[in-house]
Each structure stands twice: as structure tokens, then as C-alpha cells.
Amino acid sequence: MFDRAAEMLAEREDNPMNPPAADASNEEAVRYNTELANLMLQQQALKKAGKTSDSMFIDVEDTVAKLREDLSTVCKWVSIDAKSINAGANPIDVLDKLVSMKFNWDTQGYYARAAFRVELDATIKDAWAVVSTFYNATDPVVAYKYQPELDNVKAALRQIALRPAGQSPEEVRKLNQAGKEINVYSPTLGYSIKQSRHISCGYAFGDPGEFNDHRALTRTEELTQDDQITKYRDRLYNGDIWEDLKLAGLDAGDPYSDAVYNHMFNQVGIGFRQALQRIVLFNKSFQIIGQSYESWVRGLRPDKSIVSKKVMEYYANTLDIEIWGHFYWFDRR
């Protein structure tokens, strides 16, 4: 309707008028907006009186009034501050919660969150442009009437700006592959990680010298339970471990590029939890004659099975260590 009215104004012989330029004064804009609204209202009246067949503007008044009402409602909810009692009712927060229920990692929901914010910002601005133009809200004579609505619009846009979409997968990937710490939360697993890495050699979980300290032997990482691993499996992007990591920006290389990676993914996949187990050997007199320590990982294989895998064995009496570690691992924060 606005586009058609602008064309009609420009074509009108008695008073040809074009939209104000970007650097036009407010007085020029007010004069143009007055002509624009009057033309639409005149065309509406002519149609209702049966004096024109052009039905373009038949509902212009009601349409803008409804848009004004909807804009007020949207701004009311979007302008809810994060520190307020009903902060969770902000549509942005609601969307973020829904997104977190779909993906394994916050970074995977970045695109949905960012798109929602851009769309919300643009929609509010477009709606206010229509409303303020139709009612000529920048006219000093009536501007005070619309100031509360303008304040609500500004408050809503401010809350959008104060709620960034978070880290993108690309940002996380650059940091992680450069060996720098990251901070990515998994709503599925309930914890944040500082690194995503593949383990194919070396000491998977630290200096084996720590195992000589008997107090360290009972230390286990807080275990990821099978129901959490199952939930993680159910949320895999396209049902694929590799694609899921890639979408999250947590991939540490191409798993199909060489034999080591192929072995890792075909055998273990992702390792979620570690348990250190002390094995003590006694003689017939119940004297300790030796001890070894095993490290086990509960993992999710590419075929979606959940399995346990012994990934390291340390023989204390000979100081020998054997490692069978080929899997993805997330270092918790």
C-alpha cells in the first residue's frame, strides 16, 4: 500500500512529490508523510463510497492500527530485561531454550539464534517505520503522543543487542584447532569443555607419574551417565558423529583422512567418561607383589552403540605403560 501510494504521489499532476532523500530535513519528511497518509485515506474513502474500483487501500486504517497493536505487544515482551523476575518470558530467551533442546552443543544453535535476532530486529524496525510514517510521528506537533511507543521500540531493540547469539562454530573451530582454550557448553551433557581433541597416542589423561600417588588412583572424572550419552546420540546432527562435531565447530581434523583417524572412529568414536581402576596382586601370604592401573572410557561408536574401552594400562612394578587411545575426547572446564 505504501509503495503504491508513493507511486501515485509521484505521478500526480497537481502536486508531484517524491520520497524525501536520506539527507532531507524532518520538515520535508513530515510534509511528505502527510501527503502519503492523506492519499491512502482518500482512496479508502472513495472505495467505501463506491467511487473507485481500486481496493488497494480499503483496509489501510485498520491494517496499520492492527500493526501498531502487534508492534506494541511484541516490544512489550522483547523489552523484558534479563535481570527482571519474568526474564524467561522474553521471546529471545524462549527461542534459545527451545534451540538448546535440539542440539548437543550451544555452538550448533548459533545460526538459529542469530537468524531469529536479525529477523526480530528487522521486523520491529520495519513495523515502526510503517506506523510512524502513517501517523507522522516525527511531526513536532504530535510527536509527544508517540514518544512512549518509540521508547518501547528502543527498549526492545536494546534488549536484542544485549542478548548476543553467542559463539559461532567457525570462531570455536579456529581457537580449538590452534590449541587455544574454548568455552562451549553442552545442554545435553550438562557441562562446558575447554578443548575438543582426538587421542591417538601419548598420555591420554595426564602424566602417568600421578598414578604413583595412591590418592590419585581413586580420582575419577565425574562420569557421564548412559542416559546422557543416549540423549547425545539422539540429538546427533543428521545422525552422524562427525557431522555433529563439525556443525559445533569441535572437529579437530578430518576423521577420514588417514588410517589413524579411521581406526579411531571405527573402533571407539567419542569417549565420554574415564574411570581409573587399581588392580592389586597378592601372594599367598596376602602381601602385595605388584599392582597395575587401568583407564577405561565409556564411548559412543559411529554405529551408535555405547561401549566401554580400556584405553590405558600402567604396570607400577615395571613402570611400563600401554595405550590404546583412539577416540575423540572433550576436556571439561
Protein backbone atom coordinates (compact mmCIF):
# COMPACT_ATOMS: atom_id res chain seq x y z
CA MET A 1 0.00 0.00 0.00
CA PHE A 2 2.79 2.42 0.86
CA ASP A 3 4.67 1.61 -2.34
CA ARG A 4 1.55 2.17 -4.44
CA ALA A 5 0.75 5.43 -2.66
CA ALA A 6 4.29 6.66 -3.28
CA GLU A 7 3.91 5.92 -6.99
CA MET A 8 0.58 7.77 -7.10
CA LEU A 9 2.09 10.79 -5.35
CA ALA A 10 4.94 10.93 -7.82
CA GLU A 11 2.53 10.69 -10.76
CA ARG A 12 0.01 13.25 -9.51
CA GLU A 13 -0.07 16.26 -11.79
CA ASP A 14 -1.34 18.80 -9.24
CA ASN A 15 1.44 18.17 -6.75
CA PRO A 16 4.10 15.70 -7.90
CA MET A 17 6.08 14.53 -4.91
CA ASN A 18 8.91 12.06 -4.45
CA PRO A 19 10.03 10.37 -1.23
CA PRO A 20 12.48 12.53 0.74
CA ALA A 21 16.17 11.83 0.21
CA ALA A 22 18.27 10.36 3.00
CA ASP A 23 19.58 13.83 3.89
CA ALA A 24 16.18 15.51 3.78
CA SER A 25 15.09 17.66 6.68
CA ASN A 26 12.46 16.50 9.13
CA GLU A 27 10.14 19.20 7.78
CA GLU A 28 10.35 17.65 4.31
CA ALA A 29 9.68 14.18 5.72
CA VAL A 30 6.69 15.42 7.73
CA ARG A 31 5.20 17.13 4.68
CA TYR A 32 5.66 14.02 2.52
CA ASN A 33 4.26 11.66 5.16
CA THR A 34 1.20 13.87 5.49
CA GLU A 35 0.55 13.67 1.77
CA LEU A 36 1.18 9.93 1.74
CA ALA A 37 -1.28 9.16 4.56
CA ASN A 38 -3.89 11.56 3.21
CA LEU A 39 -3.76 9.96 -0.22
CA MET A 40 -4.28 6.47 1.23
CA LEU A 41 -7.16 7.64 3.42
CA GLN A 42 -8.75 9.43 0.48
CA GLN A 43 -8.52 6.31 -1.66
CA GLN A 44 -10.02 4.28 1.19
CA ALA A 45 -12.95 6.69 1.45
CA LEU A 46 -13.52 6.63 -2.31
CA LYS A 47 -13.65 2.83 -2.33
CA LYS A 48 -16.08 2.70 0.58
CA ALA A 49 -18.26 5.26 -1.21
CA GLY A 50 -18.20 3.15 -4.37
CA LYS A 51 -16.44 5.89 -6.37
CA THR A 52 -13.40 3.79 -7.33
CA SER A 53 -12.73 0.19 -8.21
CA ASP A 54 -9.27 0.32 -6.66
CA SER A 55 -9.45 -1.78 -3.47
CA MET A 56 -5.76 -1.44 -2.62
CA PHE A 57 -6.37 0.88 0.33
CA ILE A 58 -9.74 -0.40 1.55
CA ASP A 59 -8.32 -1.59 4.90
CA VAL A 60 -5.35 0.72 5.29
CA GLU A 61 -6.54 2.32 8.53
CA ASP A 62 -7.41 -0.98 10.22
CA THR A 63 -4.25 -2.65 8.91
CA VAL A 64 -1.92 -0.01 10.32
CA ALA A 65 -3.87 0.09 13.59
CA LYS A 66 -3.52 -3.68 13.95
CA LEU A 67 0.18 -3.47 13.09
CA ARG A 68 0.58 -0.77 15.74
CA GLU A 69 -1.12 -3.01 18.30
CA ASP A 70 1.01 -6.03 17.37
CA LEU A 71 4.18 -3.94 17.47
CA SER A 72 3.32 -2.75 20.97
CA THR A 73 2.75 -6.33 22.12
CA VAL A 74 5.98 -7.62 20.62
CA CYS A 75 8.03 -4.76 22.06
CA LYS A 76 6.46 -5.31 25.48
CA TRP A 77 7.80 -8.88 25.62
CA VAL A 78 11.09 -8.34 23.82
CA SER A 79 11.97 -5.40 26.10
CA ILE A 80 11.88 -7.61 29.23
CA ASP A 81 15.23 -7.19 30.92
CA ALA A 82 17.41 -10.21 31.67
CA LYS A 83 17.51 -9.21 35.35
CA SER A 84 13.74 -8.93 35.78
CA ILE A 85 11.62 -11.51 37.58
CA ASN A 86 9.95 -12.67 34.38
CA ALA A 87 13.14 -12.59 32.29
CA GLY A 88 12.43 -16.07 30.96
CA ALA A 89 9.34 -14.78 29.17
CA ASN A 90 11.39 -12.76 26.71
CA PRO A 91 10.83 -14.39 23.28
CA ILE A 92 14.58 -14.39 22.68
CA ASP A 93 15.19 -16.44 25.82
CA VAL A 94 12.29 -18.74 24.95
CA LEU A 95 13.77 -19.35 21.50
CA ASP A 96 17.21 -20.00 22.99
CA LYS A 97 15.75 -22.61 25.36
CA LEU A 98 13.96 -24.35 22.52
CA VAL A 99 17.15 -24.39 20.45
CA SER A 100 19.14 -25.84 23.36
CA MET A 101 16.68 -28.76 23.46
CA LYS A 102 17.54 -29.70 19.89
CA PHE A 103 21.33 -29.62 19.75
CA ASN A 104 24.22 -31.22 21.65
CA TRP A 105 26.33 -28.05 21.73
CA ASP A 106 25.49 -24.38 22.10
CA THR A 107 27.51 -23.51 19.02
CA GLN A 108 25.25 -25.70 16.89
CA GLY A 109 22.31 -23.44 17.68
CA TYR A 110 24.20 -20.27 16.73
CA TYR A 111 22.65 -20.00 13.26
CA ALA A 112 19.08 -20.34 14.54
CA ARG A 113 19.68 -17.86 17.36
CA ALA A 114 21.39 -15.33 15.09
CA ALA A 115 18.70 -15.59 12.42
CA PHE A 116 15.94 -15.06 14.97
CA ARG A 117 17.62 -11.93 16.34
CA VAL A 118 18.20 -10.44 12.88
CA GLU A 119 14.62 -11.17 11.85
CA LEU A 120 13.23 -9.75 15.10
CA ASP A 121 15.31 -6.59 14.82
CA ALA A 122 14.35 -6.01 11.19
CA THR A 123 10.66 -6.72 11.79
CA ILE A 124 10.40 -4.25 14.68
CA LYS A 125 12.18 -1.53 12.69
CA ASP A 126 10.03 -2.15 9.60
CA ALA A 127 6.82 -2.09 11.63
CA TRP A 128 7.79 1.15 13.38
CA ALA A 129 8.69 2.70 10.03
CA VAL A 130 5.19 1.98 8.74
CA VAL A 131 3.41 3.11 11.91
CA SER A 132 5.46 6.27 12.41
CA THR A 133 5.11 7.23 8.74
CA PHE A 134 1.34 6.72 8.64
CA TYR A 135 0.74 8.66 11.85
CA ASN A 136 3.51 11.16 11.05
CA ALA A 137 5.08 10.53 14.44
CA THR A 138 8.04 12.83 13.77
CA ASP A 139 5.80 15.87 13.38
CA PRO A 140 6.68 18.10 16.36
CA VAL A 141 3.00 18.88 16.79
CA VAL A 142 2.08 15.25 17.61
CA ALA A 143 5.45 13.63 18.36
CA TYR A 144 4.84 13.60 22.13
CA LYS A 145 1.87 11.26 21.63
CA TYR A 146 4.11 8.61 20.09
CA GLN A 147 7.14 9.04 22.31
CA PRO A 148 6.10 6.17 24.66
CA GLU A 149 5.80 3.84 21.66
CA LEU A 150 9.16 4.96 20.33
CA ASP A 151 10.68 4.36 23.77
CA ASN A 152 9.24 0.82 23.74
CA VAL A 153 10.73 0.19 20.33
CA LYS A 154 14.12 1.41 21.51
CA ALA A 155 13.89 -0.72 24.65
CA ALA A 156 13.13 -3.83 22.59
CA LEU A 157 15.99 -3.17 20.18
CA ARG A 158 18.31 -2.61 23.12
CA GLN A 159 17.42 -5.99 24.64
CA ILE A 160 18.08 -7.69 21.31
CA ALA A 161 21.53 -6.08 21.27
CA LEU A 162 22.13 -7.13 24.89
CA ARG A 163 21.39 -10.77 24.06
CA PRO A 164 24.05 -11.80 21.52
CA ALA A 165 23.66 -15.06 19.66
CA GLY A 166 26.84 -16.49 21.17
CA GLN A 167 29.85 -18.13 19.57
CA SER A 168 29.76 -19.32 16.01
CA PRO A 169 31.15 -22.75 15.09
CA GLU A 170 33.75 -21.01 12.91
CA GLU A 171 35.09 -18.97 15.84
CA VAL A 172 35.34 -22.05 18.06
CA ARG A 173 36.96 -24.15 15.34
CA LYS A 174 39.75 -21.60 14.80
CA LEU A 175 40.54 -21.47 18.52
CA ASN A 176 40.30 -25.22 19.09
CA GLN A 177 42.43 -26.21 16.12
CA ALA A 178 45.00 -23.60 17.14
CA GLY A 179 45.29 -25.33 20.52
CA LYS A 180 43.69 -22.45 22.41
CA GLU A 181 41.09 -22.87 25.13
CA ILE A 182 37.43 -22.69 24.24
CA ASN A 183 34.31 -22.46 26.34
CA VAL A 184 31.48 -24.43 24.78
CA TYR A 185 28.51 -25.65 26.80
CA SER A 186 26.64 -28.85 26.08
CA PRO A 187 23.00 -28.69 27.21
CA THR A 188 22.83 -32.43 26.59
CA LEU A 189 25.76 -33.37 28.82
CA GLY A 190 25.36 -30.52 31.28
CA TYR A 191 28.94 -29.25 31.30
CA SER A 192 31.30 -26.96 29.37
CA ILE A 193 34.53 -28.00 27.68
CA LYS A 194 37.80 -26.18 27.12
CA GLN A 195 39.10 -28.37 24.31
CA SER A 196 37.93 -30.94 21.81
CA ARG A 197 40.67 -33.27 20.68
CA HIS A 198 41.37 -36.69 19.25
CA ILE A 199 43.54 -39.03 21.28
CA SER A 200 45.62 -41.42 19.23
CA CYS A 201 48.93 -41.57 21.09
CA GLY A 202 50.77 -40.24 24.11
CA TYR A 203 49.39 -39.96 27.61
CA ALA A 204 45.70 -39.52 27.19
CA PHE A 205 44.84 -38.08 30.56
CA GLY A 206 47.99 -36.62 32.05
CA ASP A 207 51.33 -37.62 33.47
CA PRO A 208 51.33 -41.32 34.42
CA GLY A 209 53.58 -40.36 37.28
CA GLU A 210 50.41 -39.24 39.01
CA PHE A 211 49.39 -42.87 39.30
CA ASN A 212 52.15 -43.43 41.86
CA ASP A 213 50.16 -41.23 44.19
CA HIS A 214 47.59 -43.61 45.67
CA ARG A 215 45.30 -40.71 46.44
CA ALA A 216 45.02 -40.04 42.71
CA LEU A 217 44.00 -43.59 41.98
CA THR A 218 40.54 -43.14 43.40
CA ARG A 219 40.02 -39.92 41.49
CA THR A 220 37.65 -40.29 38.59
CA GLU A 221 36.24 -37.70 36.31
CA GLU A 222 32.60 -37.04 37.03
CA LEU A 223 31.07 -39.77 34.94
CA THR A 224 28.75 -39.06 32.04
CA GLN A 225 25.87 -41.45 32.57
CA ASP A 226 24.50 -43.70 29.86
CA ASP A 227 21.21 -41.79 29.72
CA GLN A 228 23.19 -38.65 28.87
CA ILE A 229 25.15 -40.48 26.20
CA THR A 230 21.89 -41.83 24.80
CA LYS A 231 20.45 -38.31 24.68
CA TYR A 232 23.61 -37.14 22.95
CA ARG A 233 23.20 -39.91 20.39
CA ASP A 234 19.56 -38.98 19.78
CA ARG A 235 20.50 -35.37 19.06
CA LEU A 236 23.31 -36.07 16.59
CA TYR A 237 23.07 -33.79 13.58
CA ASN A 238 21.97 -35.96 10.65
CA GLY A 239 22.57 -38.92 12.99
CA ASP A 240 26.31 -38.74 12.36
CA ILE A 241 29.08 -38.22 14.94
CA TRP A 242 31.38 -36.43 12.54
CA GLU A 243 28.72 -34.10 11.16
CA ASP A 244 27.63 -33.26 14.70
CA LEU A 245 31.16 -32.25 15.72
CA LYS A 246 31.62 -30.32 12.50
CA LEU A 247 28.41 -28.33 12.97
CA ALA A 248 29.53 -27.47 16.50
CA GLY A 249 32.99 -26.35 15.39
CA LEU A 250 34.54 -29.05 17.58
CA ASP A 251 36.08 -31.13 14.80
CA ALA A 252 39.82 -31.50 15.24
CA GLY A 253 40.59 -32.72 11.74
CA ASP A 254 39.12 -34.89 9.02
CA PRO A 255 38.38 -38.35 10.51
CA TYR A 256 38.60 -39.98 7.09
CA SER A 257 41.97 -38.57 6.07
CA ASP A 258 44.23 -41.34 7.30
CA ALA A 259 44.31 -44.76 8.88
CA VAL A 260 44.72 -43.44 12.42
CA TYR A 261 41.51 -41.46 12.23
CA ASN A 262 39.67 -44.30 10.56
CA HIS A 263 40.75 -46.60 13.36
CA MET A 264 39.65 -44.07 15.93
CA PHE A 265 36.17 -43.62 14.55
CA ASN A 266 35.59 -47.21 13.55
CA GLN A 267 36.61 -48.57 16.94
CA VAL A 268 35.67 -46.11 19.65
CA GLY A 269 34.21 -42.86 18.31
CA ILE A 270 33.69 -40.37 21.16
CA GLY A 271 34.96 -41.05 24.65
CA PHE A 272 32.71 -39.52 27.29
CA ARG A 273 33.94 -40.72 30.64
CA GLN A 274 37.07 -42.05 32.22
CA ALA A 275 37.46 -44.39 35.18
CA LEU A 276 40.82 -45.23 36.73
CA GLN A 277 40.94 -48.67 38.25
CA ARG A 278 43.66 -50.03 40.55
CA ILE A 279 44.42 -53.73 40.35
CA VAL A 280 46.46 -55.18 43.24
CA LEU A 281 48.20 -58.56 43.08
CA PHE A 282 48.78 -60.53 46.31
CA ASN A 283 50.84 -63.59 47.09
CA LYS A 284 49.58 -66.47 49.22
CA SER A 285 50.53 -64.54 52.35
CA PHE A 286 48.41 -61.64 51.15
CA GLN A 287 51.42 -59.50 50.58
CA ILE A 288 51.27 -57.03 47.70
CA ILE A 289 53.59 -58.25 44.96
CA GLY A 290 52.50 -55.92 42.21
CA GLN A 291 49.83 -53.59 41.00
CA SER A 292 48.61 -52.11 37.77
CA TYR A 293 46.23 -49.37 36.84
CA GLU A 294 43.71 -49.33 34.05
CA SER A 295 41.93 -46.43 32.43
CA TRP A 296 38.53 -47.13 30.87
CA VAL A 297 36.43 -44.91 28.65
CA ARG A 298 32.71 -45.20 28.06
CA GLY A 299 32.22 -44.23 24.45
CA LEU A 300 29.77 -43.73 21.63
CA ARG A 301 30.73 -45.52 18.44
CA PRO A 302 29.77 -44.35 14.95
CA ASP A 303 27.35 -47.27 14.69
CA LYS A 304 25.52 -45.66 17.68
CA SER A 305 26.41 -48.40 20.14
CA ILE A 306 27.58 -47.41 23.62
CA VAL A 307 30.64 -49.39 24.65
CA SER A 308 33.41 -49.46 27.22
CA LYS A 309 37.00 -49.47 26.05
CA LYS A 310 40.20 -49.98 28.01
CA VAL A 311 42.44 -47.22 26.73
CA MET A 312 45.48 -47.43 29.00
CA GLU A 313 47.24 -49.89 31.30
CA TYR A 314 50.10 -48.92 33.61
CA TYR A 315 52.26 -51.52 35.37
CA ALA A 316 53.64 -49.90 38.50
CA ASN A 317 56.27 -52.51 39.26
CA THR A 318 57.92 -52.18 35.83
CA LEU A 319 56.83 -48.62 35.04
CA ASP A 320 55.58 -49.88 31.70
CA ILE A 321 52.59 -48.19 30.13
CA GLU A 322 50.44 -49.34 27.25
CA ILE A 323 47.99 -47.04 25.49
CA TRP A 324 45.16 -47.93 23.18
CA GLY A 325 43.66 -44.49 22.90
CA HIS A 326 41.95 -43.72 19.61
CA PHE A 327 38.87 -41.55 20.13
CA TYR A 328 37.53 -38.02 20.45
CA TRP A 329 37.71 -36.53 23.91
CA PHE A 330 36.31 -33.37 25.49
CA ASP A 331 38.39 -31.75 28.22
CA ARG A 332 35.99 -30.30 30.77
CA ARG A 333 36.38 -26.84 32.19
